[in-house]
Amino acid sequence: VQLQASGGGLVQAGGSLRLSCAASGSIFSINAVGWYRQAPGKQRELVATIRSGGSTNYADSVKGRFSISRGNAKNTVYLQMNSLKPEDTAVYYCNADISSDIRGDYWGQGTQVTVSS
């Protein structure tokens, strides 16, 4: 099982980006997906999660601006980020609880998001 994160880039404050997290491999089910971020000198923090039933949770700092959703493409989750702020600058990682031959916790590679003021 592999996770591929993409969609990062450089954007001005107030702009938008959409991150994608695509899972591939022998997957029976995806139980939950989370987006995390880590800014320089800071600990990794949870940004948003979505569970198989569709329930979502967000960090207080992104509520009302970010939206996590499942895509029409199988095994893909998106993080729509609107009204971006310089403090959103970080490397963003996706994480998934996946049932395959065994149930495991998987991480994608990071994607850099930079918001200029």
Protein backbone atom coordinates (compact mmCIF):
# COMPACT_ATOMS: atom_id res chain seq x y z
CA VAL A 1 0.00 0.00 0.00
CA GLN A 2 1.26 3.47 -0.89
CA LEU A 3 -0.03 6.98 -0.31
CA GLN A 4 0.77 9.76 -2.73
CA ALA A 5 0.24 13.35 -1.63
CA SER A 6 0.24 16.16 -4.17
CA GLY A 7 -1.06 19.64 -4.87
CA GLY A 8 1.17 21.85 -2.79
CA GLY A 9 2.68 25.05 -4.05
CA LEU A 10 3.20 28.75 -3.55
CA VAL A 11 0.14 30.95 -3.15
CA GLN A 12 -0.58 34.46 -1.93
CA ALA A 13 -2.47 35.06 1.28
CA GLY A 14 -6.18 34.73 0.66
CA GLY A 15 -5.67 32.22 -2.10
CA SER A 16 -6.64 28.58 -2.38
CA LEU A 17 -5.02 25.22 -2.97
CA ARG A 18 -6.34 21.69 -3.17
CA LEU A 19 -4.23 18.83 -1.88
CA SER A 20 -4.79 15.26 -3.01
CA CYS A 21 -4.00 12.02 -1.23
CA ALA A 22 -4.24 8.90 -3.38
CA ALA A 23 -3.91 5.40 -1.99
CA SER A 24 -2.84 2.53 -4.18
CA GLY A 25 -2.14 -1.14 -3.76
CA SER A 26 -4.10 -4.05 -2.45
CA ILE A 27 -6.69 -2.19 -0.37
CA PHE A 28 -9.75 -3.72 1.23
CA SER A 29 -10.99 -0.56 2.89
CA ILE A 30 -9.82 2.88 4.01
CA ASN A 31 -11.01 3.42 7.54
CA ALA A 32 -9.88 7.00 8.03
CA VAL A 33 -7.66 9.60 6.38
CA GLY A 34 -6.03 12.53 8.05
CA TRP A 35 -4.06 15.51 6.86
CA TYR A 36 -1.24 16.73 9.08
CA ARG A 37 1.16 19.60 8.71
CA GLN A 38 4.54 20.50 10.10
CA ALA A 39 5.99 23.98 9.99
CA PRO A 40 9.72 24.61 10.50
CA GLY A 41 10.63 24.30 14.16
CA LYS A 42 7.18 23.10 15.14
CA GLN A 43 5.61 19.76 15.93
CA ARG A 44 3.45 17.98 13.41
CA GLU A 45 -0.19 18.83 13.97
CA LEU A 46 -3.44 17.30 12.84
CA VAL A 47 -5.35 19.49 10.40
CA ALA A 48 -8.38 17.44 9.36
CA THR A 49 -9.71 13.91 9.32
CA ILE A 50 -12.42 12.03 7.49
CA ARG A 51 -13.71 8.61 8.48
CA SER A 52 -15.21 5.90 6.32
CA GLY A 53 -18.70 6.92 7.39
CA GLY A 54 -18.05 10.44 6.19
CA SER A 55 -17.65 12.21 9.51
CA THR A 56 -15.05 14.96 9.55
CA ASN A 57 -13.05 16.86 12.13
CA TYR A 58 -10.92 19.97 11.84
CA ALA A 59 -8.35 21.79 13.87
CA ASP A 60 -9.74 25.04 15.26
CA SER A 61 -7.18 27.00 13.27
CA VAL A 62 -8.61 25.83 9.93
CA LYS A 63 -12.33 25.51 10.66
CA GLY A 64 -14.38 27.37 8.10
CA ARG A 65 -11.44 27.62 5.68
CA PHE A 66 -10.41 24.03 4.96
CA SER A 67 -12.58 21.16 3.80
CA ILE A 68 -11.69 17.47 3.63
CA SER A 69 -13.60 15.21 1.27
CA ARG A 70 -13.47 11.95 -0.61
CA GLY A 71 -13.11 12.15 -4.34
CA ASN A 72 -14.99 10.33 -7.06
CA ALA A 73 -11.74 8.60 -7.90
CA LYS A 74 -11.46 5.53 -5.76
CA ASN A 75 -9.22 5.81 -2.75
CA THR A 76 -8.59 9.55 -3.10
CA VAL A 77 -9.10 12.21 -0.45
CA TYR A 78 -8.83 15.94 -0.97
CA LEU A 79 -8.07 18.85 1.30
CA GLN A 80 -9.52 22.07 -0.10
CA MET A 81 -7.76 25.03 1.50
CA ASN A 82 -9.33 28.46 1.10
CA SER A 83 -8.49 31.86 2.57
CA LEU A 84 -4.94 30.73 3.13
CA LYS A 85 -2.80 32.57 5.64
CA PRO A 86 0.99 32.79 5.98
CA GLU A 87 0.70 30.71 9.15
CA ASP A 88 -0.64 27.84 7.04
CA THR A 89 2.81 27.49 5.51
CA ALA A 90 4.06 23.98 6.24
CA VAL A 91 4.77 20.59 4.78
CA TYR A 92 1.46 18.76 4.58
CA TYR A 93 1.26 14.98 5.01
CA CYS A 94 -1.58 12.57 4.53
CA ASN A 95 -2.07 9.58 6.77
CA ALA A 96 -4.47 6.69 6.35
CA ASP A 97 -5.74 3.81 8.43
CA ILE A 98 -6.05 1.11 5.77
CA SER A 99 -7.22 -2.48 5.85
CA SER A 100 -5.22 -4.54 3.40
CA ASP A 101 -3.86 -7.99 4.08
CA ILE A 102 -3.43 -6.52 7.54
CA ARG A 103 -4.70 -3.28 9.01
CA GLY A 104 -2.03 -0.62 9.08
CA ASP A 105 -1.22 3.05 9.40
CA TYR A 106 0.35 4.60 6.31
CA TRP A 107 1.98 7.95 5.55
CA GLY A 108 2.42 9.72 2.27
CA GLN A 109 5.38 11.89 1.43
CA GLY A 110 4.94 15.53 2.30
CA THR A 111 3.88 18.29 -0.03
CA GLN A 112 5.04 21.84 0.61
CA VAL A 113 2.51 24.62 0.97
CA THR A 114 3.89 28.15 1.11
CA VAL A 115 1.63 31.14 1.64
CA SER A 116 3.17 34.54 1.00
CA SER A 117 1.94 37.69 2.69
